[in-house]
Protein backbone atom coordinates (compact mmCIF):
# COMPACT_ATOMS: atom_id res chain seq x y z
CA MET A 1 -0.34 0.10 -0.07
CA ASN A 2 1.59 3.31 -1.09
CA ALA A 3 1.44 6.74 1.15
CA GLN A 4 -1.73 8.47 -1.40
CA ARG A 5 -3.60 5.24 -0.80
CA GLY A 6 -3.29 5.31 2.83
CA VAL A 7 -3.97 8.36 3.34
CA LEU A 8 -6.86 8.34 1.22
CA LEU A 9 -8.75 5.21 2.95
CA LEU A 10 -7.76 7.13 6.41
CA LEU A 11 -9.66 10.20 5.06
CA ILE A 12 -12.51 7.66 4.25
CA ALA A 13 -12.37 6.34 7.82
CA ALA A 14 -12.86 9.63 9.58
CA LEU A 15 -15.62 10.89 7.16
CA SER A 16 -17.45 7.29 7.68
CA TYR A 17 -17.00 8.11 11.80
CA LEU A 18 -17.76 11.14 11.42
CA SER A 19 -20.80 10.44 9.52
CA PHE A 20 -21.87 8.07 11.49
CA GLN A 21 -21.68 10.50 14.34
CA LEU A 22 -23.92 12.79 12.25
CA VAL A 23 -26.90 9.83 11.69
CA GLN A 24 -26.40 7.90 15.14
CA PRO A 25 -29.20 9.70 16.98
CA TYR A 26 -31.64 8.59 14.41
CA PHE A 27 -30.09 5.42 13.40
CA PRO A 28 -33.18 3.40 13.94
CA TYR A 29 -34.85 5.47 12.10
CA LEU A 30 -32.39 5.40 9.21
CA ILE A 31 -32.48 1.35 9.56
CA GLY A 32 -36.48 1.50 9.46
CA ALA A 33 -36.42 3.48 6.40
CA VAL A 34 -33.83 0.80 4.62
CA LEU A 35 -36.58 -2.30 5.79
CA LEU A 36 -39.61 -0.65 4.57
CA ALA A 37 -37.97 0.34 1.27
CA TYR A 38 -36.55 -3.40 0.97
CA ILE A 39 -40.29 -4.41 1.60
CA PHE A 40 -42.13 -1.79 -1.39
CA SER A 41 -39.51 -2.57 -3.71
CA PRO A 42 -41.20 -4.75 -6.20
CA ILE A 43 -44.28 -2.66 -5.63
CA GLN A 44 -42.66 0.29 -6.77
CA ALA A 45 -41.24 -1.27 -9.90
CA LYS A 46 -44.62 -2.51 -10.43
CA LEU A 47 -45.82 1.01 -10.02
CA GLU A 48 -43.12 2.30 -12.47
CA THR A 49 -44.05 0.94 -15.43
CA ARG A 50 -47.08 2.62 -15.14
CA ILE A 51 -46.01 6.11 -13.78
CA SER A 52 -42.76 7.83 -13.08
CA PRO A 53 -40.51 6.60 -10.42
CA THR A 54 -41.25 9.84 -8.58
CA ALA A 55 -45.04 9.51 -8.76
CA ALA A 56 -43.92 5.73 -7.98
CA ALA A 57 -42.30 6.25 -5.03
CA ALA A 58 -44.21 9.28 -3.48
CA LEU A 59 -47.09 7.24 -3.90
CA LEU A 60 -45.89 4.22 -1.77
CA VAL A 61 -44.47 6.95 0.89
CA VAL A 62 -48.15 8.55 1.23
CA GLY A 63 -49.87 4.95 1.74
CA ALA A 64 -46.90 3.32 4.24
CA THR A 65 -47.45 6.63 6.39
CA VAL A 66 -51.31 6.36 6.29
CA ALA A 67 -51.06 2.65 6.32
CA LEU A 68 -49.26 2.00 9.63
CA LEU A 69 -49.66 5.40 11.51
CA PHE A 70 -52.79 5.38 11.80
CA PRO A 71 -53.64 2.13 13.00
CA LEU A 72 -50.58 2.76 15.13
CA ALA A 73 -52.02 5.99 16.63
CA VAL A 74 -55.54 4.17 16.90
CA LEU A 75 -53.83 0.99 18.33
CA LEU A 76 -51.76 3.55 21.39
CA ILE A 77 -54.89 5.25 22.03
CA ALA A 78 -56.97 1.83 22.72
CA VAL A 79 -54.07 0.14 24.43
CA ALA A 80 -53.68 3.65 26.53
CA GLY A 81 -57.25 3.34 27.85
CA ASP A 82 -57.20 -0.12 28.56
CA ALA A 83 -54.13 1.02 30.70
CA ILE A 84 -55.49 3.66 32.26
CA ARG A 85 -58.79 1.46 33.46
CA PHE A 86 -56.05 -1.03 34.52
CA ALA A 87 -54.40 1.17 36.66
CA GLN A 88 -57.36 2.53 37.46
CA ALA A 89 -58.69 -0.71 38.73
CA PHE A 90 -56.85 -1.26 40.99
CA ALA A 91 -56.48 2.68 42.63
CA ALA A 92 -60.25 2.19 42.59
CA ASP A 93 -60.28 -1.49 44.90
CA ASP A 94 -62.74 -2.81 41.83
CA ILE A 95 -60.97 -5.65 41.96
CA THR A 96 -59.82 -6.99 45.23
CA GLY A 97 -63.05 -9.41 45.76
CA GLN A 98 -61.40 -11.00 42.69
CA ILE A 99 -57.86 -11.23 44.52
CA GLU A 100 -58.77 -11.67 48.30
CA PRO A 101 -57.94 -15.59 47.91
CA ALA A 102 -54.30 -14.44 46.44
CA GLU A 103 -54.04 -11.95 49.37
CA ALA A 104 -55.40 -15.01 52.17
CA TRP A 105 -52.69 -17.53 50.54
CA LEU A 106 -50.21 -15.03 51.07
CA ALA A 107 -50.79 -13.11 54.25
CA GLU A 108 -51.53 -16.85 55.48
CA GLN A 109 -47.64 -17.81 54.40
CA PHE A 110 -45.88 -14.57 55.76
CA ASN A 111 -47.71 -14.62 58.88
CA GLN A 112 -48.87 -10.84 57.61
CA ASP A 113 -51.28 -9.14 56.41
CA VAL A 114 -51.29 -8.53 52.61
CA ASN A 115 -52.69 -6.08 50.29
CA ILE A 116 -51.49 -5.94 46.94
CA VAL A 117 -54.32 -3.03 45.71
CA ALA A 118 -53.03 -0.59 47.78
CA GLU A 119 -49.70 -1.81 47.01
CA VAL A 120 -50.08 -1.55 43.70
CA ALA A 121 -51.55 1.60 43.83
CA THR A 122 -48.63 2.98 45.92
CA ARG A 123 -46.39 1.92 42.83
CA ILE A 124 -48.47 3.63 40.23
CA GLU A 125 -48.53 6.80 42.49
CA GLY A 126 -44.18 6.56 42.66
CA LEU A 127 -44.19 6.09 38.60
CA ALA A 128 -46.57 9.12 38.09
CA GLY A 129 -44.60 11.19 40.35
CA VAL A 130 -41.04 10.06 38.60
CA VAL A 131 -43.17 9.79 35.29
CA LEU A 132 -43.43 14.59 35.98
CA GLY A 133 -39.95 14.25 37.28
CA THR A 134 -38.71 13.35 34.11
CA ALA A 135 -41.28 15.76 31.44
CA PRO A 136 -38.49 17.78 30.13
CA ASP A 137 -36.38 14.19 28.89
CA ILE A 138 -39.90 13.37 27.63
CA ILE A 139 -40.14 16.30 25.61
CA GLY A 140 -36.80 15.73 24.43
CA ILE A 141 -37.18 12.79 23.64
CA LEU A 142 -41.03 13.14 21.38
CA ALA A 143 -38.75 15.98 19.78
CA ASN A 144 -36.15 13.08 18.36
CA ALA A 145 -38.48 10.86 17.48
CA THR A 146 -40.54 13.28 15.85
CA ILE A 147 -37.44 14.43 14.03
CA GLY A 148 -36.17 10.74 12.88
CA LEU A 149 -39.76 9.87 11.60
CA GLY A 150 -39.60 13.01 9.47
CA LEU A 151 -35.87 11.88 8.34
CA ALA A 152 -36.86 7.93 8.24
CA VAL A 153 -40.09 9.02 5.73
CA PHE A 154 -37.52 11.55 3.60
CA VAL A 155 -35.03 8.82 3.44
CA LEU A 156 -37.39 6.23 1.76
CA PHE A 157 -39.18 8.42 -0.58
CA TYR A 158 -35.35 8.24 -2.22
CA LEU A 159 -34.49 4.88 -1.65
CA LEU A 160 -37.95 3.98 -3.61
CA ARG A 161 -37.07 6.33 -6.06
CA ASP A 162 -33.44 5.78 -6.36
CA GLY A 163 -32.77 2.67 -4.74
CA ASP A 164 -31.49 0.85 -8.48
CA GLN A 165 -28.88 2.99 -8.39
CA LEU A 166 -27.63 2.98 -4.88
CA MET A 167 -27.07 -0.49 -5.65
CA VAL A 168 -25.31 -0.30 -9.18
CA TRP A 169 -22.93 2.15 -7.16
CA ILE A 170 -22.56 -0.20 -4.29
CA ARG A 171 -21.82 -3.55 -6.45
CA SER A 172 -19.45 -1.42 -8.48
CA ALA A 173 -17.31 0.51 -5.18
CA THR A 174 -17.00 -3.49 -3.99
CA PRO A 175 -14.00 -4.15 -4.13
CA LEU A 176 -15.65 -8.31 -4.64
CA PRO A 177 -15.90 -10.69 -7.31
CA GLU A 178 -19.26 -10.37 -9.10
CA SER A 179 -20.23 -13.84 -8.74
CA VAL A 180 -19.41 -13.41 -4.58
CA GLN A 181 -21.61 -9.82 -4.55
CA THR A 182 -24.39 -12.13 -6.03
CA LYS A 183 -24.17 -15.03 -3.67
CA LEU A 184 -23.50 -12.16 -0.99
CA TYR A 185 -26.79 -10.53 -1.87
CA THR A 186 -28.80 -13.04 -2.74
CA ARG A 187 -27.83 -15.03 0.89
CA VAL A 188 -28.72 -11.74 2.76
CA ASP A 189 -32.33 -10.98 0.72
CA ASP A 190 -33.24 -14.44 1.91
CA MET A 191 -32.68 -13.40 5.81
CA THR A 192 -34.42 -10.54 5.43
CA ARG A 193 -37.33 -11.80 3.54
CA ALA A 194 -37.03 -14.38 5.97
CA VAL A 195 -36.89 -12.41 9.06
CA LEU A 196 -39.35 -9.52 7.97
CA LEU A 197 -41.98 -11.57 6.19
CA GLY A 198 -41.61 -15.21 8.47
CA HIS A 199 -41.37 -14.26 11.76
CA VAL A 200 -43.09 -10.89 11.79
CA LEU A 201 -45.63 -12.00 10.12
CA VAL A 202 -45.90 -15.05 12.38
CA ALA A 203 -46.14 -12.85 16.03
CA VAL A 204 -48.75 -11.08 14.89
CA ILE A 205 -50.61 -14.41 13.81
CA GLN A 206 -49.68 -15.80 16.88
CA GLY A 207 -50.39 -12.66 18.85
CA ALA A 208 -53.97 -13.02 17.61
CA ILE A 209 -54.71 -16.11 18.03
CA ALA A 210 -53.27 -15.96 21.85
CA GLY A 211 -55.51 -12.76 22.09
CA LEU A 212 -58.39 -14.88 20.82
CA GLY A 213 -58.08 -16.95 24.07
CA LEU A 214 -58.55 -14.29 26.25
CA LEU A 215 -61.14 -13.27 24.66
CA VAL A 216 -63.29 -16.49 24.99
CA VAL A 217 -62.58 -16.69 28.76
CA GLY A 218 -63.32 -13.16 29.43
CA ILE A 219 -59.51 -11.19 29.99
CA SER A 220 -60.33 -7.45 29.90
CA ASN A 221 -57.82 -4.99 28.16
CA ILE A 222 -58.00 -7.37 25.78
CA LEU A 223 -55.94 -5.12 23.06
CA LEU A 224 -53.47 -4.14 26.12
CA TRP A 225 -52.93 -7.97 26.58
CA THR A 226 -52.57 -8.33 22.68
CA SER A 227 -49.88 -6.15 21.72
CA VAL A 228 -48.34 -7.06 24.28
CA MET A 229 -48.09 -10.92 23.01
CA VAL A 230 -47.25 -9.59 19.57
CA LEU A 231 -44.05 -8.21 20.84
CA LEU A 232 -43.37 -11.04 23.03
CA ALA A 233 -44.35 -13.47 20.03
CA LEU A 234 -41.36 -12.20 18.42
CA LEU A 235 -39.32 -14.83 21.09
CA PRO A 236 -39.74 -19.04 19.71
CA PHE A 237 -41.22 -21.19 21.68
CA ILE A 238 -41.71 -18.69 24.92
CA GLY A 239 -43.21 -15.44 23.95
CA THR A 240 -46.95 -15.33 24.17
CA PHE A 241 -46.77 -17.69 27.10
CA LEU A 242 -45.54 -15.49 29.31
CA VAL A 243 -48.95 -13.43 29.01
CA TRP A 244 -51.28 -16.26 28.73
CA GLY A 245 -49.60 -19.02 31.32
CA PRO A 246 -50.47 -16.23 34.43
CA ALA A 247 -53.35 -15.62 33.29
CA SER A 248 -55.11 -19.08 32.83
CA ILE A 249 -53.28 -19.72 36.47
CA TYR A 250 -54.90 -16.43 37.47
CA LEU A 251 -58.15 -17.99 36.66
CA LEU A 252 -57.63 -21.33 38.23
CA TRP A 253 -56.81 -19.12 41.08
CA THR A 254 -59.75 -17.48 41.73
CA GLY A 255 -61.83 -20.61 41.09
CA ASP A 256 -62.84 -20.30 37.09
CA LEU A 257 -62.05 -24.20 36.27
CA LEU A 258 -63.49 -23.64 32.95
CA GLY A 259 -62.15 -20.38 31.99
CA GLY A 260 -58.30 -21.29 33.23
CA GLY A 261 -58.46 -24.72 32.03
CA PHE A 262 -59.46 -23.65 28.75
CA LEU A 263 -57.21 -21.14 28.63
CA LEU A 264 -54.12 -23.38 29.77
CA VAL A 265 -55.34 -26.06 27.28
CA TYR A 266 -55.55 -23.56 24.30
CA GLY A 267 -52.44 -21.86 24.68
CA THR A 268 -50.42 -24.73 25.38
CA ILE A 269 -51.92 -26.57 22.14
CA ILE A 270 -53.38 -23.78 19.32
CA VAL A 271 -51.12 -21.32 20.25
CA GLY A 272 -48.01 -23.91 20.55
CA ILE A 273 -49.01 -25.46 17.73
CA SER A 274 -49.31 -22.19 15.33
CA ASP A 275 -45.86 -21.60 16.39
CA GLU A 276 -44.42 -24.86 15.31
CA TYR A 277 -45.84 -25.33 11.77
CA LEU A 278 -46.34 -21.61 10.91
CA ARG A 279 -42.81 -20.77 11.69
CA PRO A 280 -41.51 -23.38 9.11
CA VAL A 281 -43.95 -23.13 6.58
CA ILE A 282 -43.33 -19.34 6.24
CA VAL A 283 -39.60 -18.90 7.92
CA ASP A 284 -38.52 -22.07 5.80
CA ARG A 285 -39.75 -20.74 2.30
CA TYR A 286 -37.14 -18.01 2.28
CA ALA A 287 -34.30 -18.98 3.93
CA GLU A 288 -33.19 -22.01 7.26
CA VAL A 289 -32.66 -19.59 10.46
CA SER A 290 -32.34 -21.03 14.05
CA PRO A 291 -34.35 -19.79 16.30
CA ALA A 292 -31.04 -18.68 18.54
CA ILE A 293 -30.13 -16.25 15.75
CA ILE A 294 -33.57 -14.81 15.99
CA VAL A 295 -33.26 -14.81 19.87
CA ILE A 296 -30.19 -13.26 20.24
CA GLY A 297 -30.73 -10.92 17.23
CA VAL A 298 -34.25 -9.51 18.90
CA ILE A 299 -32.94 -9.32 22.54
CA GLY A 300 -29.71 -7.86 21.32
CA GLY A 301 -31.52 -5.52 18.37
CA LEU A 302 -34.12 -4.49 21.51
CA SER A 303 -30.88 -3.06 23.82
CA ALA A 304 -29.51 -1.56 21.26
CA PHE A 305 -32.00 0.33 19.09
CA GLY A 306 -35.33 0.47 21.01
CA VAL A 307 -38.52 -1.34 19.59
CA MET A 308 -37.09 -0.72 16.46
CA GLY A 309 -34.31 -3.83 17.12
CA LEU A 310 -37.43 -6.16 17.52
CA PHE A 311 -37.11 -5.98 13.68
CA ILE A 312 -33.46 -4.82 13.10
CA GLY A 313 -31.03 -7.52 15.46
CA PRO A 314 -32.45 -10.40 13.34
CA VAL A 315 -31.62 -8.94 10.37
CA ILE A 316 -28.27 -8.30 11.62
CA VAL A 317 -27.49 -11.45 13.01
CA GLY A 318 -28.84 -13.33 10.19
CA ALA A 319 -26.46 -10.98 7.09
CA LEU A 320 -23.51 -12.27 9.19
CA LYS A 321 -23.87 -15.59 9.28
CA ALA A 322 -25.21 -15.41 5.71
CA ALA A 323 -21.59 -13.32 4.97
CA ILE A 324 -19.37 -15.66 6.88
CA GLU A 325 -21.11 -19.16 4.80
CA VAL A 326 -20.52 -16.75 1.81
CA PHE A 327 -16.95 -16.33 2.43
CA ASP A 328 -16.18 -19.97 3.94
CA GLU A 329 -17.98 -20.68 0.15
CA GLN A 330 -16.33 -18.22 -1.94
CA TYR A 331 -13.34 -18.06 0.23
CA GLU A 332 -10.82 -20.01 -3.25
CA GLN A 333 -11.96 -16.79 -5.44
CA LEU A 334 -11.15 -14.14 -2.86
């Protein structure tokens, strides 16, 4: 490596670092825009046969914004209402009669009075105080989210409109043989499709199926718990059980043997089968993805990128697996 090439590489590395610092606060939003562009790119290609690329991208961005934000806003409002009513029920002692058996058992075990409602109400009041004390931070978070969403919409538009040219530039600038790049991008494409169209779709279906079981046995705040189960269902095997399992135990504890027994059997068989059957059918159609990759990606992504990490994490880990496989297969050509 001569001195001129070393200086140029050092300059590229420095500018890359500075560029990352510029986008780092909004990195999850940018990655979200990239994933949405990936999902909508086939539709963009079909629309471009009838209208201009700019019009097609604008139409998709508007449609995606409405299709994603409107249901999300409705869901958040409904879930927030359920959460508020859930908290008010504790504060107003509306469910005291339902949890008296549990309090009596705990009092007998620990030989002292137990008041679960009062304890939970105290915790809620403490949480409210913390929220009020961090109001400036919350405003900052909301401002950051607003800017991030606006930036994501902007990036999504240009990725849809100019995505083909961007891929041509990336392939020409990447110092790898064309055959190696083709295999690498194909593997990453299969892995991304498996995660986005496989595990996310399975999580939504499985969460809805588990939510139906809660609805049948009369569990309140159904939208809240279904939303939680959809997110938990991104974790294979144990996801929705973290909600319907304790719910069935609670029903059995309070004397509702029919409801508790039904939910336990329904969750074990119906929800369990949906996980065992849907994941191979939907995911294996695109790529062979180990559940370990999904678990590591979901947990690590959630820690690194927040809620968006639930989707970004598995894609990143899966892309790493694909890159290692291609490197191993194409080592002699490199």
